[in-house]
Amino acid sequence: MAKDEALSRAAEVNEQLRPVTVSAETVTRLAGPQSQTVHSFLRHLREKGLDCVPEPLSLSDETEVLRYIDGDSGGDGWKNQHDEQGLRSAAQLLRRIHDASAGWVPPQDAFFNAPPTAADGDVFVHGDPGPWNFVWRDGEAVALLDWDFLHRAPRLDDVAYALLWFAPVRDDESALEWHHFPEVPDRRARIDAFLDAYGIPADFDVADAVIRRRHATIEHVRLLADQGSEPQKTWVAEGSLEEEAAEIDWIEANRHLFTR
């Protein structure tokens, strides 16, 4: 099965199990064990003056309500990061959030839906900062949504994950058919632009960093699937872990595309 089709089917399953209701003002969805922790974190960022994350409005045992942020997101987000302006805006937004996260003190009963291999770090990371989770207006990233995988980690964890999807650190076919680039992009130039905009030295092995992050994703998806979580259970059933392993092999074989 093609990856697009598998992901589409998984998204349908997830929507059935965790429906989302969107109005002009609010987003309502089922609460999870991490929701209270996430709301505390979002309030911290907003108290720091960041309006680039959702405002928590209410939380019960069953549902959470957040303020709706208008703009392109989900599948509509991909096109906004094709040019360097969009790419850099996402990196700059991620840096602002990471920096503001450093002073947050989690609640004593905090719950983090983190990869089993997660290591302590200097910031709290998003865990899933792909183009679909950003909100875009006029070609620039203005917000970052869906903080279910919030956890403490080195900031490079989020940066490496973002590079996978923004560069992308994927094969030509994926860049054209899945990321919808009009032509295969200069991955190294996009990596340089993202790191420059984020403000992190490009003095590390990008391939190694992305591979480590992909292995962490594999372990997290496997754990969630074993727990019966969707869409991870569907992804695993459709062969996503095997596809992830094949993509890691491709990165290993094409390191020259990501280094100077």
C-alpha atoms as a PDB file:
ATOM      1  CA  MET A   1       0.000   0.000   0.000  1.00  0.00           C
ATOM      2  CA  ALA A   2       1.274   3.498  -0.851  1.00  0.00           C
ATOM      3  CA  LYS A   3       2.333   5.575   2.132  1.00  0.00           C
ATOM      4  CA  ASP A   4      -0.108   8.379   1.334  1.00  0.00           C
ATOM      5  CA  GLU A   5      -2.978   5.895   1.314  1.00  0.00           C
ATOM      6  CA  ALA A   6      -1.857   4.247   4.546  1.00  0.00           C
ATOM      7  CA  LEU A   7      -1.532   7.583   6.325  1.00  0.00           C
ATOM      8  CA  SER A   8      -4.897   8.717   5.004  1.00  0.00           C
ATOM      9  CA  ARG A   9      -6.558   5.578   6.329  1.00  0.00           C
ATOM     10  CA  ALA A  10      -4.790   5.984   9.667  1.00  0.00           C
ATOM     11  CA  ALA A  11      -5.984   9.570   9.916  1.00  0.00           C
ATOM     12  CA  GLU A  12      -9.551   8.405   9.304  1.00  0.00           C
ATOM     13  CA  VAL A  13      -9.244   5.862  12.101  1.00  0.00           C
ATOM     14  CA  ASN A  14      -7.786   8.453  14.447  1.00  0.00           C
ATOM     15  CA  GLU A  15     -10.610  10.877  13.652  1.00  0.00           C
ATOM     16  CA  GLN A  16     -13.156   8.189  14.517  1.00  0.00           C
ATOM     17  CA  LEU A  17     -11.507   7.369  17.839  1.00  0.00           C
ATOM     18  CA  ARG A  18     -10.538  10.917  18.800  1.00  0.00           C
ATOM     19  CA  PRO A  19     -12.936  13.218  16.975  1.00  0.00           C
ATOM     20  CA  VAL A  20     -12.163  16.923  16.726  1.00  0.00           C
ATOM     21  CA  THR A  21     -14.850  19.602  16.590  1.00  0.00           C
ATOM     22  CA  VAL A  22     -13.757  22.944  15.134  1.00  0.00           C
ATOM     23  CA  SER A  23     -15.757  26.162  15.312  1.00  0.00           C
ATOM     24  CA  ALA A  24     -14.864  29.710  14.396  1.00  0.00           C
ATOM     25  CA  GLU A  25     -13.515  30.231  17.924  1.00  0.00           C
ATOM     26  CA  THR A  26     -12.631  26.873  19.480  1.00  0.00           C
ATOM     27  CA  VAL A  27     -11.251  23.378  18.933  1.00  0.00           C
ATOM     28  CA  THR A  28     -12.753  20.614  21.065  1.00  0.00           C
ATOM     29  CA  ARG A  29     -11.354  17.090  21.250  1.00  0.00           C
ATOM     30  CA  LEU A  30     -11.072  14.162  23.616  1.00  0.00           C
ATOM     31  CA  ALA A  31      -8.647  14.713  26.473  1.00  0.00           C
ATOM     32  CA  GLY A  32      -5.733  12.359  27.065  1.00  0.00           C
ATOM     33  CA  PRO A  33      -3.539  11.614  30.078  1.00  0.00           C
ATOM     34  CA  GLN A  34      -1.100  14.298  28.884  1.00  0.00           C
ATOM     35  CA  SER A  35      -3.702  17.049  28.452  1.00  0.00           C
ATOM     36  CA  GLN A  36      -3.372  18.629  31.899  1.00  0.00           C
ATOM     37  CA  THR A  37       0.409  18.809  31.511  1.00  0.00           C
ATOM     38  CA  VAL A  38       0.124  20.243  28.004  1.00  0.00           C
ATOM     39  CA  HIS A  39      -2.337  22.913  29.156  1.00  0.00           C
ATOM     40  CA  SER A  40       0.074  23.958  31.903  1.00  0.00           C
ATOM     41  CA  PHE A  41       2.859  24.239  29.345  1.00  0.00           C
ATOM     42  CA  LEU A  42       0.763  26.240  26.884  1.00  0.00           C
ATOM     43  CA  ARG A  43      -0.286  28.657  29.623  1.00  0.00           C
ATOM     44  CA  HIS A  44       3.392  29.139  30.506  1.00  0.00           C
ATOM     45  CA  LEU A  45       4.280  30.032  26.926  1.00  0.00           C
ATOM     46  CA  ARG A  46       1.376  32.418  26.573  1.00  0.00           C
ATOM     47  CA  GLU A  47       2.298  34.106  29.860  1.00  0.00           C
ATOM     48  CA  LYS A  48       5.730  34.619  28.298  1.00  0.00           C
ATOM     49  CA  GLY A  49       4.021  36.574  25.526  1.00  0.00           C
ATOM     50  CA  LEU A  50       3.929  33.831  22.884  1.00  0.00           C
ATOM     51  CA  ASP A  51       0.641  33.766  21.001  1.00  0.00           C
ATOM     52  CA  CYS A  52       1.986  31.120  18.601  1.00  0.00           C
ATOM     53  CA  VAL A  53       0.509  28.211  20.566  1.00  0.00           C
ATOM     54  CA  PRO A  54      -3.151  27.471  21.288  1.00  0.00           C
ATOM     55  CA  GLU A  55      -4.767  29.103  24.289  1.00  0.00           C
ATOM     56  CA  PRO A  56      -6.229  26.466  26.649  1.00  0.00           C
ATOM     57  CA  LEU A  57      -9.826  27.308  27.514  1.00  0.00           C
ATOM     58  CA  SER A  58     -11.124  24.352  29.513  1.00  0.00           C
ATOM     59  CA  LEU A  59     -10.331  20.764  30.446  1.00  0.00           C
ATOM     60  CA  SER A  60     -12.513  18.005  31.862  1.00  0.00           C
ATOM     61  CA  ASP A  61     -12.012  14.281  32.293  1.00  0.00           C
ATOM     62  CA  GLU A  62     -13.376  13.753  28.789  1.00  0.00           C
ATOM     63  CA  THR A  63     -12.667  16.792  26.619  1.00  0.00           C
ATOM     64  CA  GLU A  64     -10.284  19.683  26.161  1.00  0.00           C
ATOM     65  CA  VAL A  65     -11.126  23.007  24.537  1.00  0.00           C
ATOM     66  CA  LEU A  66      -8.545  25.322  22.986  1.00  0.00           C
ATOM     67  CA  ARG A  67      -8.782  28.610  21.147  1.00  0.00           C
ATOM     68  CA  TYR A  68      -8.837  28.141  17.375  1.00  0.00           C
ATOM     69  CA  ILE A  69      -5.924  29.651  15.443  1.00  0.00           C
ATOM     70  CA  ASP A  70      -6.857  30.604  11.907  1.00  0.00           C
ATOM     71  CA  GLY A  71      -4.643  29.656   8.969  1.00  0.00           C
ATOM     72  CA  ASP A  72      -3.429  26.730   6.877  1.00  0.00           C
ATOM     73  CA  SER A  73      -2.489  23.545   8.735  1.00  0.00           C
ATOM     74  CA  GLY A  74      -2.636  19.795   8.217  1.00  0.00           C
ATOM     75  CA  GLY A  75      -2.399  18.878   4.550  1.00  0.00           C
ATOM     76  CA  ASP A  76      -2.738  22.538   3.587  1.00  0.00           C
ATOM     77  CA  GLY A  77       0.510  23.320   5.391  1.00  0.00           C
ATOM     78  CA  TRP A  78       2.926  21.573   3.043  1.00  0.00           C
ATOM     79  CA  LYS A  79       2.945  24.152   0.250  1.00  0.00           C
ATOM     80  CA  ASN A  80       3.783  26.982   2.631  1.00  0.00           C
ATOM     81  CA  GLN A  81       7.265  25.706   3.404  1.00  0.00           C
ATOM     82  CA  HIS A  82       8.443  25.099  -0.158  1.00  0.00           C
ATOM     83  CA  ASP A  83      10.178  28.464  -0.367  1.00  0.00           C
ATOM     84  CA  GLU A  84      12.909  29.744   1.924  1.00  0.00           C
ATOM     85  CA  GLN A  85      10.657  32.325   3.567  1.00  0.00           C
ATOM     86  CA  GLY A  86       8.307  29.669   4.891  1.00  0.00           C
ATOM     87  CA  LEU A  87      11.158  27.354   5.826  1.00  0.00           C
ATOM     88  CA  ARG A  88      12.953  30.029   7.828  1.00  0.00           C
ATOM     89  CA  SER A  89       9.787  31.215   9.536  1.00  0.00           C
ATOM     90  CA  ALA A  90       9.147  27.710  10.894  1.00  0.00           C
ATOM     91  CA  ALA A  91      12.709  27.448  12.221  1.00  0.00           C
ATOM     92  CA  GLN A  92      12.485  30.853  13.893  1.00  0.00           C
ATOM     93  CA  LEU A  93       9.143  29.984  15.482  1.00  0.00           C
ATOM     94  CA  LEU A  94      10.492  26.698  16.811  1.00  0.00           C
ATOM     95  CA  ARG A  95      13.465  28.514  18.343  1.00  0.00           C
ATOM     96  CA  ARG A  96      11.223  31.065  20.080  1.00  0.00           C
ATOM     97  CA  ILE A  97       9.171  28.295  21.624  1.00  0.00           C
ATOM     98  CA  HIS A  98      12.187  26.260  22.722  1.00  0.00           C
ATOM     99  CA  ASP A  99      13.778  29.278  24.374  1.00  0.00           C
ATOM    100  CA  ALA A 100      10.576  30.201  26.225  1.00  0.00           C
ATOM    101  CA  SER A 101      10.066  26.600  27.341  1.00  0.00           C
ATOM    102  CA  ALA A 102      13.270  26.414  29.349  1.00  0.00           C
ATOM    103  CA  GLY A 103      11.810  28.121  32.422  1.00  0.00           C
ATOM    104  CA  TRP A 104       8.667  26.013  32.689  1.00  0.00           C
ATOM    105  CA  VAL A 105       8.257  23.954  35.861  1.00  0.00           C
ATOM    106  CA  PRO A 106       5.966  20.986  35.138  1.00  0.00           C
ATOM    107  CA  PRO A 107       3.232  20.041  37.626  1.00  0.00           C
ATOM    108  CA  GLN A 108       4.202  17.432  40.183  1.00  0.00           C
ATOM    109  CA  ASP A 109       1.825  14.940  38.568  1.00  0.00           C
ATOM    110  CA  ALA A 110       2.955  15.753  35.014  1.00  0.00           C
ATOM    111  CA  PHE A 111       2.481  13.061  32.374  1.00  0.00           C
ATOM    112  CA  PHE A 112       4.613  13.062  29.226  1.00  0.00           C
ATOM    113  CA  ASN A 113       3.804  10.996  26.155  1.00  0.00           C
ATOM    114  CA  ALA A 114       7.478  10.728  25.235  1.00  0.00           C
ATOM    115  CA  PRO A 115       9.542   8.273  23.184  1.00  0.00           C
ATOM    116  CA  PRO A 116      10.888   5.500  25.438  1.00  0.00           C
ATOM    117  CA  THR A 117      14.450   6.522  24.518  1.00  0.00           C
ATOM    118  CA  ALA A 118      13.942  10.227  25.306  1.00  0.00           C
ATOM    119  CA  ALA A 119      16.860  11.851  27.127  1.00  0.00           C
ATOM    120  CA  ASP A 120      16.815  14.869  29.397  1.00  0.00           C
ATOM    121  CA  GLY A 121      17.682  18.132  27.712  1.00  0.00           C
ATOM    122  CA  ASP A 122      17.738  21.875  28.112  1.00  0.00           C
ATOM    123  CA  VAL A 123      14.262  22.588  26.706  1.00  0.00           C
ATOM    124  CA  PHE A 124      10.812  21.080  26.300  1.00  0.00           C
ATOM    125  CA  VAL A 125      10.254  19.893  22.763  1.00  0.00           C
ATOM    126  CA  HIS A 126       7.148  19.481  20.631  1.00  0.00           C
ATOM    127  CA  GLY A 127       8.004  15.965  19.481  1.00  0.00           C
ATOM    128  CA  ASP A 128       6.215  16.204  16.107  1.00  0.00           C
ATOM    129  CA  PRO A 129       7.144  19.546  14.450  1.00  0.00           C
ATOM    130  CA  GLY A 130       6.304  18.696  10.856  1.00  0.00           C
ATOM    131  CA  PRO A 131       4.769  21.214   8.409  1.00  0.00           C
ATOM    132  CA  TRP A 132       1.282  19.811   9.109  1.00  0.00           C
ATOM    133  CA  ASN A 133       1.400  20.882  12.775  1.00  0.00           C
ATOM    134  CA  PHE A 134       2.325  24.476  12.004  1.00  0.00           C
ATOM    135  CA  VAL A 135      -0.292  27.112  11.193  1.00  0.00           C
ATOM    136  CA  TRP A 136       0.589  29.202   8.161  1.00  0.00           C
ATOM    137  CA  ARG A 137      -0.566  32.611   6.992  1.00  0.00           C
ATOM    138  CA  ASP A 138       0.703  34.359   3.876  1.00  0.00           C
ATOM    139  CA  GLY A 139       3.433  31.775   3.518  1.00  0.00           C
ATOM    140  CA  GLU A 140       4.821  32.119   7.046  1.00  0.00           C
ATOM    141  CA  ALA A 141       4.547  29.901  10.113  1.00  0.00           C
ATOM    142  CA  VAL A 142       2.547  31.679  12.830  1.00  0.00           C
ATOM    143  CA  ALA A 143       1.742  28.900  15.316  1.00  0.00           C
ATOM    144  CA  LEU A 144       2.541  25.333  16.338  1.00  0.00           C
ATOM    145  CA  LEU A 145      -0.305  22.976  17.242  1.00  0.00           C
ATOM    146  CA  ASP A 146      -0.872  19.518  18.732  1.00  0.00           C
ATOM    147  CA  TRP A 147       1.439  19.230  21.729  1.00  0.00           C
ATOM    148  CA  ASP A 148       0.505  15.670  22.705  1.00  0.00           C
ATOM    149  CA  PHE A 149       4.153  14.524  22.497  1.00  0.00           C
ATOM    150  CA  LEU A 150       5.540  17.333  24.668  1.00  0.00           C
ATOM    151  CA  HIS A 151       8.570  16.233  26.708  1.00  0.00           C
ATOM    152  CA  ARG A 152      11.956  17.433  27.927  1.00  0.00           C
ATOM    153  CA  ALA A 153      14.794  16.713  25.495  1.00  0.00           C
ATOM    154  CA  PRO A 154      17.756  18.322  23.756  1.00  0.00           C
ATOM    155  CA  ARG A 155      16.530  20.920  21.275  1.00  0.00           C
ATOM    156  CA  LEU A 156      18.317  18.990  18.530  1.00  0.00           C
ATOM    157  CA  ASP A 157      15.641  16.291  18.825  1.00  0.00           C
ATOM    158  CA  ASP A 158      13.018  18.683  17.465  1.00  0.00           C
ATOM    159  CA  VAL A 159      15.429  20.232  14.977  1.00  0.00           C
ATOM    160  CA  ALA A 160      16.409  16.844  13.534  1.00  0.00           C
ATOM    161  CA  TYR A 161      12.763  15.796  13.309  1.00  0.00           C
ATOM    162  CA  ALA A 162      11.898  19.046  11.537  1.00  0.00           C
ATOM    163  CA  LEU A 163      14.787  18.662   9.090  1.00  0.00           C
ATOM    164  CA  LEU A 164      13.490  15.235   8.107  1.00  0.00           C
ATOM    165  CA  TRP A 165      10.270  16.803   6.853  1.00  0.00           C
ATOM    166  CA  PHE A 166      11.360  20.291   5.862  1.00  0.00           C
ATOM    167  CA  ALA A 167      14.558  19.508   3.893  1.00  0.00           C
ATOM    168  CA  PRO A 168      13.315  16.781   3.337  1.00  0.00           C
ATOM    169  CA  VAL A 169      15.810  14.088   4.339  1.00  0.00           C
ATOM    170  CA  ARG A 170      13.909  11.653   2.117  1.00  0.00           C
ATOM    171  CA  ASP A 171      14.224  10.271  -1.398  1.00  0.00           C
ATOM    172  CA  ASP A 172      13.365  12.109  -4.609  1.00  0.00           C
ATOM    173  CA  GLU A 173      10.051  10.324  -5.093  1.00  0.00           C
ATOM    174  CA  SER A 174       8.865  11.308  -1.621  1.00  0.00           C
ATOM    175  CA  ALA A 175       9.977  14.907  -2.132  1.00  0.00           C
ATOM    176  CA  LEU A 176       7.929  15.167  -5.318  1.00  0.00           C
ATOM    177  CA  GLU A 177       4.894  12.999  -4.632  1.00  0.00           C
ATOM    178  CA  TRP A 178       4.452  13.310  -0.874  1.00  0.00           C
ATOM    179  CA  HIS A 179       5.895  16.729  -0.095  1.00  0.00           C
ATOM    180  CA  HIS A 180       4.605  18.104  -3.414  1.00  0.00           C
ATOM    181  CA  PHE A 181       7.746  20.017  -4.349  1.00  0.00           C
ATOM    182  CA  PRO A 182       7.592  21.071  -8.023  1.00  0.00           C
ATOM    183  CA  GLU A 183      11.133  19.721  -8.430  1.00  0.00           C
ATOM    184  CA  VAL A 184      13.604  17.902  -6.199  1.00  0.00           C
ATOM    185  CA  PRO A 185      14.894  20.557  -3.783  1.00  0.00           C
ATOM    186  CA  ASP A 186      18.484  21.300  -2.835  1.00  0.00           C
ATOM    187  CA  ARG A 187      18.294  19.525   0.505  1.00  0.00           C
ATOM    188  CA  ARG A 188      21.616  20.804   1.829  1.00  0.00           C
ATOM    189  CA  ALA A 189      20.712  24.404   1.053  1.00  0.00           C
ATOM    190  CA  ARG A 190      17.397  23.977   2.856  1.00  0.00           C
ATOM    191  CA  ILE A 191      19.135  22.375   5.829  1.00  0.00           C
ATOM    192  CA  ASP A 192      21.576  25.302   5.979  1.00  0.00           C
ATOM    193  CA  ALA A 193      18.709  27.821   5.793  1.00  0.00           C
ATOM    194  CA  PHE A 194      16.717  26.076   8.541  1.00  0.00           C
ATOM    195  CA  LEU A 195      19.715  25.831  10.890  1.00  0.00           C
ATOM    196  CA  ASP A 196      20.715  29.426  10.200  1.00  0.00           C
ATOM    197  CA  ALA A 197      17.194  30.676  10.924  1.00  0.00           C
ATOM    198  CA  TYR A 198      16.966  28.571  14.070  1.00  0.00           C
ATOM    199  CA  GLY A 199      20.386  29.837  15.179  1.00  0.00           C
ATOM    200  CA  ILE A 200      22.170  26.540  15.725  1.00  0.00           C
ATOM    201  CA  PRO A 201      25.666  25.852  14.332  1.00  0.00           C
ATOM    202  CA  ALA A 202      25.722  23.471  11.371  1.00  0.00           C
ATOM    203  CA  ASP A 203      28.630  21.585  12.983  1.00  0.00           C
ATOM    204  CA  PHE A 204      26.936  18.224  13.493  1.00  0.00           C
ATOM    205  CA  ASP A 205      26.270  15.249  11.247  1.00  0.00           C
ATOM    206  CA  VAL A 206      22.736  15.854   9.982  1.00  0.00           C
ATOM    207  CA  ALA A 207      22.332  12.301   8.698  1.00  0.00           C
ATOM    208  CA  ASP A 208      23.307  10.842  12.085  1.00  0.00           C
ATOM    209  CA  ALA A 209      20.972  13.236  13.931  1.00  0.00           C
ATOM    210  CA  VAL A 210      18.002  12.425  11.708  1.00  0.00           C
ATOM    211  CA  ILE A 211      18.691   8.689  11.863  1.00  0.00           C
ATOM    212  CA  ARG A 212      18.798   8.762  15.669  1.00  0.00           C
ATOM    213  CA  ARG A 213      15.523  10.666  15.726  1.00  0.00           C
ATOM    214  CA  ARG A 214      13.915   8.229  13.286  1.00  0.00           C
ATOM    215  CA  HIS A 215      14.919   5.290  15.482  1.00  0.00           C
ATOM    216  CA  ALA A 216      13.291   7.071  18.438  1.00  0.00           C
ATOM    217  CA  THR A 217      10.148   7.544  16.363  1.00  0.00           C
ATOM    218  CA  ILE A 218      10.089   3.841  15.490  1.00  0.00           C
ATOM    219  CA  GLU A 219      10.283   2.865  19.157  1.00  0.00           C
ATOM    220  CA  HIS A 220       7.592   5.371  20.106  1.00  0.00           C
ATOM    221  CA  VAL A 221       5.222   4.239  17.357  1.00  0.00           C
ATOM    222  CA  ARG A 222       5.796   0.605  18.317  1.00  0.00           C
ATOM    223  CA  LEU A 223       5.071   1.377  21.983  1.00  0.00           C
ATOM    224  CA  LEU A 224       1.882   3.297  21.195  1.00  0.00           C
ATOM    225  CA  ALA A 225       0.703   0.617  18.762  1.00  0.00           C
ATOM    226  CA  ASP A 226       1.265  -2.081  21.409  1.00  0.00           C
ATOM    227  CA  GLN A 227      -0.910   0.015  23.739  1.00  0.00           C
ATOM    228  CA  GLY A 228      -3.669   0.079  21.110  1.00  0.00           C
ATOM    229  CA  SER A 229      -3.294   3.789  20.281  1.00  0.00           C
ATOM    230  CA  GLU A 230      -4.423   5.157  16.936  1.00  0.00           C
ATOM    231  CA  PRO A 231      -3.284   6.023  14.342  1.00  0.00           C
ATOM    232  CA  GLN A 232      -0.087   4.218  15.388  1.00  0.00           C
ATOM    233  CA  LYS A 233      -1.785   0.811  15.526  1.00  0.00           C
ATOM    234  CA  THR A 234      -2.969   1.253  11.937  1.00  0.00           C
ATOM    235  CA  TRP A 235       0.434   2.521  10.797  1.00  0.00           C
ATOM    236  CA  VAL A 236       2.145  -0.582  12.176  1.00  0.00           C
ATOM    237  CA  ALA A 237      -0.471  -2.892  10.663  1.00  0.00           C
ATOM    238  CA  GLU A 238       0.105  -1.259   7.267  1.00  0.00           C
ATOM    239  CA  GLY A 239       3.887  -1.745   7.471  1.00  0.00           C
ATOM    240  CA  SER A 240       5.056   1.697   8.562  1.00  0.00           C
ATOM    241  CA  LEU A 241       7.928   0.403  10.699  1.00  0.00           C
ATOM    242  CA  GLU A 242       9.365  -1.507   7.760  1.00  0.00           C
ATOM    243  CA  GLU A 243       9.055   1.633   5.640  1.00  0.00           C
ATOM    244  CA  GLU A 244      10.799   3.668   8.344  1.00  0.00           C
ATOM    245  CA  ALA A 245      13.678   1.164   8.381  1.00  0.00           C
ATOM    246  CA  ALA A 246      13.967   1.340   4.580  1.00  0.00           C
ATOM    247  CA  GLU A 247      14.067   5.152   4.728  1.00  0.00           C
ATOM    248  CA  ILE A 248      16.855   5.004   7.302  1.00  0.00           C
ATOM    249  CA  ASP A 249      18.807   2.755   4.907  1.00  0.00           C
ATOM    250  CA  TRP A 250      18.261   5.358   2.172  1.00  0.00           C
ATOM    251  CA  ILE A 251      19.668   8.130   4.375  1.00  0.00           C
ATOM    252  CA  GLU A 252      22.739   6.011   5.132  1.00  0.00           C
ATOM    253  CA  ALA A 253      23.302   5.438   1.413  1.00  0.00           C
ATOM    254  CA  ASN A 254      22.836   9.104   0.466  1.00  0.00           C
ATOM    255  CA  ARG A 255      24.759  10.993   3.115  1.00  0.00           C
ATOM    256  CA  HIS A 256      26.414  13.115   0.429  1.00  0.00           C
ATOM    257  CA  LEU A 257      23.099  14.934  -0.099  1.00  0.00           C
ATOM    258  CA  PHE A 258      23.123  16.347   3.442  1.00  0.00           C
ATOM    259  CA  THR A 259      26.786  17.298   3.972  1.00  0.00           C
ATOM    260  CA  ARG A 260      29.158  19.881   2.540  1.00  0.00           C
END
